[in-house]
């Protein structure tokens, strides 16, 4: 578990066991270096706190959690984990980056890799390729700047449509949270603490989001946004097999 090792850099174990034998997997990654005194001039415990909160909550909900905090959060390690994860939490810097493979701007987040600058950027097309054949993720929280904006391509990379399905309406079993424009740590900490508390209490993901909106963070520090199904639950769904080329989930 990440909790036991959260104060140290955590190495993601090679994901070689078949998914059906591992059970439902959640992935938690937090960029620590970019928010350290070496890079910013001051220290903050936010990456450690937020990663531990996500890991503890997903574990309580029945997910087996893998991931990395600090330099072991590399482009390779996160894409490896995302290739099987049904629940995902990422804390880092995020933006709409140039995607050379696509020849246009994409969206994504920075890996840690122990670097203040020039760390690899993980973009939506890479996430989509890693997840090819997987069903849509159950819960994705991209705790960065900009990835809650409508132009973000990250939700689609996880198979989540950018539409809001209201309470009582039939919809997907997925929920995505991101932040619009600049997201400040103080607001993130208040919002996400309240969100996870509500989820652990048994509320649907949409209701937990609404509860977190009432948590008292300053709107000048944070603008959360969501897509998916309001009534979706965070508990792991029945395991679904990876599809062969040409197949699709209905």
Protein backbone atom coordinates (compact mmCIF):
# COMPACT_ATOMS: atom_id res chain seq x y z
CA UNK A 1 0.00 0.00 0.00
CA UNK A 2 1.09 3.56 -0.51
CA UNK A 3 0.17 4.50 3.04
CA UNK A 4 2.92 2.43 4.60
CA UNK A 5 5.52 4.00 2.31
CA UNK A 6 4.06 7.42 1.68
CA UNK A 7 6.96 9.32 3.22
CA UNK A 8 9.36 7.68 0.78
CA UNK A 9 9.58 7.42 -2.96
CA UNK A 10 7.40 4.50 -3.97
CA UNK A 11 8.33 2.18 -6.78
CA UNK A 12 5.54 0.73 -8.88
CA UNK A 13 5.85 -3.04 -9.02
CA UNK A 14 5.89 -4.56 -12.52
CA UNK A 15 2.31 -5.23 -13.54
CA UNK A 16 2.76 -8.77 -14.80
CA UNK A 17 0.00 -10.65 -12.99
CA UNK A 18 -3.17 -11.06 -15.10
CA UNK A 19 -5.76 -8.42 -14.19
CA UNK A 20 -8.36 -11.05 -13.33
CA UNK A 21 -6.03 -12.43 -10.65
CA UNK A 22 -5.05 -9.05 -9.22
CA UNK A 23 -8.57 -7.81 -8.78
CA UNK A 24 -9.67 -4.20 -9.38
CA UNK A 25 -6.73 -1.81 -9.41
CA UNK A 26 -6.59 1.83 -8.42
CA UNK A 27 -3.60 4.03 -9.30
CA UNK A 28 -2.40 6.98 -7.20
CA UNK A 29 0.46 9.20 -8.38
CA UNK A 30 1.67 12.50 -6.92
CA UNK A 31 4.39 14.85 -8.15
CA UNK A 32 6.45 15.75 -5.09
CA UNK A 33 9.62 17.19 -6.61
CA UNK A 34 7.94 20.01 -8.54
CA UNK A 35 6.37 21.25 -5.29
CA UNK A 36 9.54 20.96 -3.16
CA UNK A 37 11.73 23.71 -1.72
CA UNK A 38 14.40 22.84 -4.29
CA UNK A 39 12.00 23.80 -7.09
CA UNK A 40 9.66 26.36 -5.50
CA UNK A 41 11.72 27.86 -2.67
CA UNK A 42 9.39 26.47 -0.01
CA UNK A 43 8.19 23.07 1.12
CA UNK A 44 4.64 21.79 1.07
CA UNK A 45 3.13 18.56 2.34
CA UNK A 46 0.22 18.75 -0.12
CA UNK A 47 1.42 15.99 -2.51
CA UNK A 48 2.00 13.57 0.37
CA UNK A 49 -1.29 14.45 2.07
CA UNK A 50 -3.39 14.22 -1.09
CA UNK A 51 -1.82 10.95 -2.25
CA UNK A 52 -2.33 9.36 1.16
CA UNK A 53 -5.93 10.55 1.25
CA UNK A 54 -6.70 9.11 -2.19
CA UNK A 55 -4.92 5.82 -1.43
CA UNK A 56 -6.66 5.39 1.92
CA UNK A 57 -10.06 6.16 0.43
CA UNK A 58 -9.71 3.88 -2.60
CA UNK A 59 -8.49 1.05 -0.37
CA UNK A 60 -11.49 1.51 1.92
CA UNK A 61 -13.76 1.32 -1.12
CA UNK A 62 -12.29 -2.02 -2.20
CA UNK A 63 -9.60 -1.09 -4.71
CA UNK A 64 -6.10 -2.52 -4.65
CA UNK A 65 -3.83 0.48 -5.02
CA UNK A 66 -0.54 0.90 -6.85
CA UNK A 67 1.31 4.10 -7.73
CA UNK A 68 4.21 6.36 -6.86
CA UNK A 69 4.99 9.49 -4.87
CA UNK A 70 8.01 11.51 -5.94
CA UNK A 71 10.78 10.62 -8.42
CA UNK A 72 9.39 7.11 -9.07
CA UNK A 73 6.40 8.83 -10.70
CA UNK A 74 7.81 8.66 -14.21
CA UNK A 75 6.16 8.65 -17.61
CA UNK A 76 6.79 4.93 -17.92
CA UNK A 77 5.54 4.00 -14.44
CA UNK A 78 2.30 5.96 -14.70
CA UNK A 79 1.41 4.67 -18.18
CA UNK A 80 2.15 1.14 -17.01
CA UNK A 81 -0.22 1.56 -14.08
CA UNK A 82 -2.91 3.30 -16.13
CA UNK A 83 -2.95 0.36 -18.54
CA UNK A 84 -4.94 -1.64 -15.96
CA UNK A 85 -6.38 0.88 -13.48
CA UNK A 86 -10.11 1.35 -13.05
CA UNK A 87 -9.74 4.20 -10.54
CA UNK A 88 -7.11 6.92 -10.99
CA UNK A 89 -5.79 9.82 -8.92
CA UNK A 90 -3.08 12.13 -10.29
CA UNK A 91 -1.64 15.17 -8.49
CA UNK A 92 0.77 17.27 -10.53
CA UNK A 93 1.05 20.23 -12.88
CA UNK A 94 -1.25 20.01 -15.88
CA UNK A 95 -1.90 21.92 -19.08
CA UNK A 96 -2.67 21.58 -22.79
CA UNK A 97 0.69 20.52 -24.20
CA UNK A 98 2.00 20.09 -27.71
CA UNK A 99 1.62 16.44 -28.77
CA UNK A 100 4.22 15.74 -31.46
CA UNK A 101 2.66 12.39 -32.35
CA UNK A 102 -0.75 13.98 -33.00
CA UNK A 103 0.62 17.20 -34.51
CA UNK A 104 -1.58 19.37 -32.27
CA UNK A 105 -2.10 20.44 -28.71
CA UNK A 106 -3.30 17.74 -26.37
CA UNK A 107 -3.86 17.73 -22.61
CA UNK A 108 -2.12 16.00 -19.78
CA UNK A 109 0.14 16.32 -16.77
CA UNK A 110 3.80 16.31 -15.80
CA UNK A 111 5.58 13.30 -14.37
CA UNK A 112 7.86 13.84 -11.37
CA UNK A 113 11.08 12.00 -12.31
CA UNK A 114 12.99 14.05 -9.73
CA UNK A 115 13.09 17.10 -12.03
CA UNK A 116 12.07 20.71 -11.37
CA UNK A 117 11.73 21.40 -15.10
CA UNK A 118 11.71 19.38 -18.30
CA UNK A 119 10.06 16.34 -16.73
CA UNK A 120 8.21 14.19 -19.25
CA UNK A 121 4.64 15.18 -20.02
CA UNK A 122 2.03 12.44 -20.11
CA UNK A 123 -0.56 13.43 -22.73
CA UNK A 124 -4.02 12.13 -23.52
CA UNK A 125 -3.02 10.19 -26.63
CA UNK A 126 -0.48 8.20 -24.62
CA UNK A 127 -3.06 7.43 -21.94
CA UNK A 128 -5.58 6.31 -24.57
CA UNK A 129 -3.00 4.04 -26.19
CA UNK A 130 -2.06 2.49 -22.84
CA UNK A 131 -5.74 1.82 -22.09
CA UNK A 132 -6.68 0.42 -25.48
CA UNK A 133 -9.32 -2.28 -25.01
CA UNK A 134 -10.19 -1.35 -21.44
CA UNK A 135 -13.71 -0.36 -20.40
CA UNK A 136 -14.18 3.25 -19.22
CA UNK A 137 -12.61 4.01 -15.86
CA UNK A 138 -14.92 4.16 -12.84
CA UNK A 139 -13.37 7.20 -11.18
CA UNK A 140 -10.70 9.59 -12.45
CA UNK A 141 -9.46 12.63 -10.54
CA UNK A 142 -6.83 14.69 -12.35
CA UNK A 143 -5.79 17.09 -9.60
CA UNK A 144 -3.94 19.60 -11.77
CA UNK A 145 -4.52 22.93 -13.42
CA UNK A 146 -6.55 23.02 -16.66
CA UNK A 147 -7.70 19.40 -16.99
CA UNK A 148 -11.26 20.17 -15.95
CA UNK A 149 -11.69 22.47 -18.94
CA UNK A 150 -13.88 21.41 -21.83
CA UNK A 151 -10.93 21.44 -24.20
CA UNK A 152 -9.14 18.78 -22.12
CA UNK A 153 -8.75 15.46 -23.95
CA UNK A 154 -7.92 13.50 -20.79
CA UNK A 155 -11.52 12.41 -19.95
CA UNK A 156 -11.90 10.77 -23.36
CA UNK A 157 -8.56 9.01 -22.89
CA UNK A 158 -10.17 7.22 -19.93
CA UNK A 159 -13.32 6.48 -21.91
CA UNK A 160 -15.44 9.12 -20.14
CA UNK A 161 -17.68 11.33 -22.26
CA UNK A 162 -17.74 15.03 -21.50
CA UNK A 163 -21.41 15.15 -20.56
CA UNK A 164 -23.22 15.39 -17.26
CA UNK A 165 -25.84 12.73 -16.58
CA UNK A 166 -28.05 14.02 -13.78
CA UNK A 167 -29.47 12.24 -10.72
CA UNK A 168 -31.89 9.46 -11.58
CA UNK A 169 -30.89 9.38 -15.26
CA UNK A 170 -29.46 6.28 -16.88
CA UNK A 171 -25.82 6.83 -17.70
CA UNK A 172 -22.28 5.50 -17.57
CA UNK A 173 -20.70 4.03 -14.45
CA UNK A 174 -17.96 6.64 -14.62
CA UNK A 175 -17.11 9.97 -12.99
CA UNK A 176 -14.33 12.43 -13.81
CA UNK A 177 -13.15 15.42 -11.76
CA UNK A 178 -10.74 18.09 -12.96
CA UNK A 179 -10.06 21.76 -12.30
CA UNK A 180 -10.59 24.75 -14.56
CA UNK A 181 -7.75 27.24 -15.07
CA UNK A 182 -5.31 27.53 -12.12
CA UNK A 183 -5.88 25.20 -9.16
CA UNK A 184 -4.27 26.25 -5.88
CA UNK A 185 -3.18 23.74 -3.26
CA UNK A 186 -5.18 25.31 -0.44
CA UNK A 187 -8.45 24.94 -2.34
CA UNK A 188 -7.60 21.43 -3.53
CA UNK A 189 -6.91 20.23 0.01
CA UNK A 190 -10.23 21.52 1.34
CA UNK A 191 -12.28 20.25 -1.61
CA UNK A 192 -10.72 16.80 -1.87
CA UNK A 193 -10.83 16.09 1.86
CA UNK A 194 -14.57 16.76 1.79
CA UNK A 195 -15.06 14.77 -1.40
CA UNK A 196 -13.34 11.63 -0.14
CA UNK A 197 -15.10 11.85 3.21
CA UNK A 198 -18.46 11.95 1.42
CA UNK A 199 -17.54 9.07 -0.90
CA UNK A 200 -16.46 6.89 2.02
CA UNK A 201 -19.78 7.63 3.72
CA UNK A 202 -21.57 5.92 0.80
CA UNK A 203 -22.74 8.88 -1.30
CA UNK A 204 -22.74 8.66 -5.08
CA UNK A 205 -19.85 10.42 -6.78
CA UNK A 206 -22.06 13.26 -7.95
CA UNK A 207 -23.52 13.79 -4.50
CA UNK A 208 -20.01 13.67 -3.00
CA UNK A 209 -18.92 16.33 -5.50
CA UNK A 210 -21.83 18.54 -4.47
CA UNK A 211 -20.98 18.01 -0.81
CA UNK A 212 -17.39 19.03 -1.50
CA UNK A 213 -18.58 22.23 -3.20
CA UNK A 214 -19.97 23.23 0.20
CA UNK A 215 -16.68 22.60 2.01
CA UNK A 216 -15.69 26.26 2.22
CA UNK A 217 -12.77 26.55 -0.20
CA UNK A 218 -12.31 29.95 -1.82
CA UNK A 219 -13.68 30.13 -5.39
CA UNK A 220 -10.67 32.32 -6.18
CA UNK A 221 -8.45 29.30 -5.47
CA UNK A 222 -10.33 26.53 -7.25
CA UNK A 223 -12.97 25.85 -9.90
CA UNK A 224 -13.86 22.13 -9.92
CA UNK A 225 -15.68 20.53 -12.83
CA UNK A 226 -17.05 17.04 -13.53
CA UNK A 227 -18.35 14.76 -16.27
CA UNK A 228 -19.97 11.34 -16.15
CA UNK A 229 -22.90 9.97 -14.21
CA UNK A 230 -24.08 11.72 -11.04
CA UNK A 231 -25.30 8.41 -9.60
CA UNK A 232 -22.05 6.50 -10.29
CA UNK A 233 -20.51 4.81 -7.27
CA UNK A 234 -16.81 4.55 -6.45
CA UNK A 235 -16.90 0.84 -5.57
CA UNK A 236 -15.05 -1.40 -8.05
CA UNK A 237 -17.35 -2.79 -10.73
CA UNK A 238 -17.46 -6.40 -11.82
CA UNK A 239 -14.20 -7.11 -13.65
CA UNK A 240 -14.47 -6.72 -17.43
CA UNK A 241 -11.98 -8.33 -19.82
CA UNK A 242 -9.77 -6.32 -22.13
CA UNK A 243 -11.29 -6.26 -25.60
CA UNK A 244 -9.71 -7.65 -28.74
CA UNK A 245 -9.22 -5.28 -31.72
CA UNK A 246 -12.55 -4.46 -33.34
CA UNK A 247 -14.64 -5.32 -30.28
CA UNK A 248 -16.40 -2.78 -28.08
CA UNK A 249 -18.33 -2.62 -24.85
CA UNK A 250 -22.09 -2.03 -25.10
